[in-house]
Protein backbone atom coordinates (compact mmCIF):
# COMPACT_ATOMS: atom_id res chain seq x y z
CA UNK A 1 -34.66 -27.29 -20.55
CA UNK A 2 -37.26 -29.52 -22.03
CA UNK A 3 -37.80 -33.21 -21.70
CA UNK A 4 -39.96 -35.75 -23.46
CA UNK A 5 -43.31 -34.53 -24.67
CA UNK A 6 -42.55 -30.92 -23.68
CA UNK A 7 -42.33 -31.74 -19.95
CA UNK A 8 -39.98 -29.38 -18.14
CA UNK A 9 -37.43 -30.96 -15.82
CA UNK A 10 -35.94 -28.91 -13.05
CA UNK A 11 -33.54 -29.51 -10.19
CA UNK A 12 -34.75 -30.64 -6.82
CA UNK A 13 -33.13 -27.82 -4.83
CA UNK A 14 -34.19 -24.23 -4.41
CA UNK A 15 -33.01 -21.22 -2.45
CA UNK A 16 -34.24 -17.90 -1.15
CA UNK A 17 -31.80 -15.07 -0.53
CA UNK A 18 -32.63 -11.88 1.31
CA UNK A 19 -30.30 -8.96 0.71
CA UNK A 20 -30.11 -5.22 1.16
CA UNK A 21 -29.05 -2.84 -1.56
CA UNK A 22 -26.14 -0.66 -0.49
CA UNK A 23 -25.80 2.99 -1.45
CA UNK A 24 -23.46 3.75 -4.32
CA UNK A 25 -20.10 5.09 -3.19
CA UNK A 26 -19.47 8.77 -3.86
CA UNK A 27 -17.95 9.47 -7.30
CA UNK A 28 -14.59 10.46 -5.80
CA UNK A 29 -14.27 6.95 -4.31
CA UNK A 30 -15.18 5.25 -7.57
CA UNK A 31 -12.37 6.78 -9.62
CA UNK A 32 -9.53 8.90 -8.34
CA UNK A 33 -7.61 11.30 -10.58
CA UNK A 34 -4.67 8.89 -10.51
CA UNK A 35 -6.78 6.08 -11.95
CA UNK A 36 -8.04 8.45 -14.65
CA UNK A 37 -4.45 9.25 -15.65
CA UNK A 38 -3.55 5.57 -15.86
CA UNK A 39 -6.70 4.89 -17.89
CA UNK A 40 -5.66 7.57 -20.38
CA UNK A 41 -2.26 5.96 -20.87
CA UNK A 42 -3.68 2.46 -21.41
CA UNK A 43 -4.18 1.37 -25.01
CA UNK A 44 -7.77 1.47 -26.18
CA UNK A 45 -9.42 -1.81 -27.26
CA UNK A 46 -8.93 -2.47 -30.94
CA UNK A 47 -11.24 -5.39 -31.56
CA UNK A 48 -14.96 -5.74 -30.81
CA UNK A 49 -14.17 -8.65 -28.48
CA UNK A 50 -11.94 -6.44 -26.32
CA UNK A 51 -14.49 -3.63 -26.13
CA UNK A 52 -17.22 -6.06 -25.05
CA UNK A 53 -15.37 -6.95 -21.83
CA UNK A 54 -17.05 -4.03 -20.05
CA UNK A 55 -20.03 -5.57 -18.34
CA UNK A 56 -23.29 -3.80 -17.76
CA UNK A 57 -24.41 -3.79 -14.14
CA UNK A 58 -26.73 -6.60 -13.17
CA UNK A 59 -30.32 -5.90 -12.21
CA UNK A 60 -31.45 -6.62 -8.68
CA UNK A 61 -33.37 -9.60 -10.06
CA UNK A 62 -30.24 -11.01 -11.76
CA UNK A 63 -28.14 -10.49 -8.62
CA UNK A 64 -30.78 -12.35 -6.59
CA UNK A 65 -30.90 -15.18 -9.12
CA UNK A 66 -27.13 -15.62 -9.09
CA UNK A 67 -26.92 -15.50 -5.30
CA UNK A 68 -29.71 -18.10 -5.02
CA UNK A 69 -27.94 -20.28 -7.59
CA UNK A 70 -24.78 -19.98 -5.50
CA UNK A 71 -26.65 -21.09 -2.36
CA UNK A 72 -28.08 -24.11 -4.18
CA UNK A 73 -24.70 -25.09 -5.61
CA UNK A 74 -22.37 -24.37 -2.70
CA UNK A 75 -24.67 -25.05 0.29
CA UNK A 76 -23.26 -22.44 2.71
CA UNK A 77 -24.06 -22.88 6.40
CA UNK A 78 -23.86 -19.21 7.43
CA UNK A 79 -23.42 -15.77 5.90
CA UNK A 80 -20.09 -15.11 7.60
CA UNK A 81 -18.43 -11.91 8.69
CA UNK A 82 -16.00 -9.65 6.88
CA UNK A 83 -14.63 -8.16 10.08
CA UNK A 84 -11.40 -9.72 11.35
CA UNK A 85 -11.62 -11.25 14.78
CA UNK A 86 -9.84 -9.44 17.64
CA UNK A 87 -7.17 -12.17 17.80
CA UNK A 88 -6.44 -11.79 14.08
CA UNK A 89 -6.17 -8.01 14.49
CA UNK A 90 -3.80 -8.41 17.44
CA UNK A 91 -1.64 -10.79 15.39
CA UNK A 92 -1.54 -8.30 12.54
CA UNK A 93 -0.41 -5.60 14.99
CA UNK A 94 2.42 -7.79 16.29
CA UNK A 95 4.11 -8.47 12.96
CA UNK A 96 7.16 -6.45 14.00
CA UNK A 97 8.03 -8.88 16.80
CA UNK A 98 7.96 -12.36 15.24
CA UNK A 99 9.40 -14.06 18.34
CA UNK A 100 6.48 -12.89 20.48
CA UNK A 101 4.10 -14.41 17.96
CA UNK A 102 5.94 -17.75 17.94
CA UNK A 103 5.86 -17.90 21.72
CA UNK A 104 2.13 -17.27 21.86
CA UNK A 105 1.08 -19.76 19.23
CA UNK A 106 2.57 -23.16 18.87
CA UNK A 107 2.82 -24.78 15.47
CA UNK A 108 -0.10 -27.00 16.44
CA UNK A 109 -2.30 -24.00 17.18
CA UNK A 110 -1.33 -22.41 13.87
CA UNK A 111 -2.38 -25.57 12.04
CA UNK A 112 -5.72 -25.56 13.87
CA UNK A 113 -6.25 -21.92 12.94
CA UNK A 114 -5.42 -22.61 9.32
CA UNK A 115 -7.85 -25.54 9.28
CA UNK A 116 -10.60 -23.36 10.78
CA UNK A 117 -9.93 -20.72 8.12
CA UNK A 118 -10.26 -23.35 5.38
CA UNK A 119 -13.53 -24.62 6.87
CA UNK A 120 -14.75 -21.03 7.01
CA UNK A 121 -14.07 -20.64 3.29
CA UNK A 122 -16.08 -23.79 2.61
CA UNK A 123 -19.07 -23.01 4.82
CA UNK A 124 -19.49 -19.22 5.01
CA UNK A 125 -21.44 -17.66 2.15
CA UNK A 126 -19.30 -14.55 1.68
CA UNK A 127 -16.00 -16.47 1.76
CA UNK A 128 -16.95 -19.19 -0.73
CA UNK A 129 -15.68 -19.23 -4.28
CA UNK A 130 -18.52 -17.72 -6.30
CA UNK A 131 -20.25 -20.42 -8.35
CA UNK A 132 -20.76 -18.13 -11.38
CA UNK A 133 -17.14 -16.82 -11.44
CA UNK A 134 -14.44 -18.84 -9.71
CA UNK A 135 -12.04 -15.85 -9.76
CA UNK A 136 -13.99 -14.07 -7.00
CA UNK A 137 -15.78 -14.92 -3.77
CA UNK A 138 -19.51 -14.52 -3.25
CA UNK A 139 -18.72 -11.59 -0.94
CA UNK A 140 -16.75 -9.85 -3.70
CA UNK A 141 -19.66 -10.41 -6.09
CA UNK A 142 -21.98 -8.76 -3.56
CA UNK A 143 -19.62 -5.80 -3.15
CA UNK A 144 -19.40 -5.36 -6.93
CA UNK A 145 -23.19 -5.29 -7.13
CA UNK A 146 -23.68 -3.13 -4.03
CA UNK A 147 -25.68 -5.65 -2.01
CA UNK A 148 -25.29 -7.32 1.37
CA UNK A 149 -26.88 -10.69 2.14
CA UNK A 150 -28.99 -10.64 5.28
CA UNK A 151 -30.38 -14.19 5.23
CA UNK A 152 -30.79 -17.23 3.03
CA UNK A 153 -32.50 -20.60 2.98
CA UNK A 154 -31.74 -23.68 0.88
CA UNK A 155 -34.34 -26.39 0.49
CA UNK A 156 -34.97 -29.61 -1.37
CA UNK A 157 -38.30 -30.12 -3.08
CA UNK A 158 -40.35 -32.61 -1.12
CA UNK A 159 -38.22 -32.41 2.02
CA UNK A 160 -40.11 -32.59 5.26
CA UNK A 161 -39.89 -29.56 7.48
CA UNK A 162 -39.23 -30.00 11.18
CA UNK A 163 -42.41 -29.90 13.24
CA UNK A 164 -42.91 -26.59 14.95
CA UNK A 165 -44.57 -26.57 18.34
CA UNK A 166 -47.49 -24.16 18.61
């Protein structure tokens, strides 16, 4: 992106993302014999455009760039957790007895829970719609690329940092 007289203009926000690379899953988890059978029965791509849909894996550098770009664009407040809370697990276990569920949670409580879940999707890194591909979440992008975010920081160029006491 160039400007007048060859001066480069850049955005005023930046981000740092720290992540761990995860081990690759064993080959038997990647493709089961059933998925191989279904792949054999699927028609093969006939045009070059169809055959180009297979994406090469991203480098660690590219994954980091895209995660940092996501942090700049979406401004998450926390990483978030993939593990369901105990209450959510208990509710999932009680699906057979709907009346018990209704007695425990009023409609008002359900609305509050739904609102909290929506806020979570807006503020937690792994639950946000991924800025580079709106069909997946940032967490799904990380799983696809075998990484797990451990920390991140978003900053604005020129912003004053809070004074730290020595």
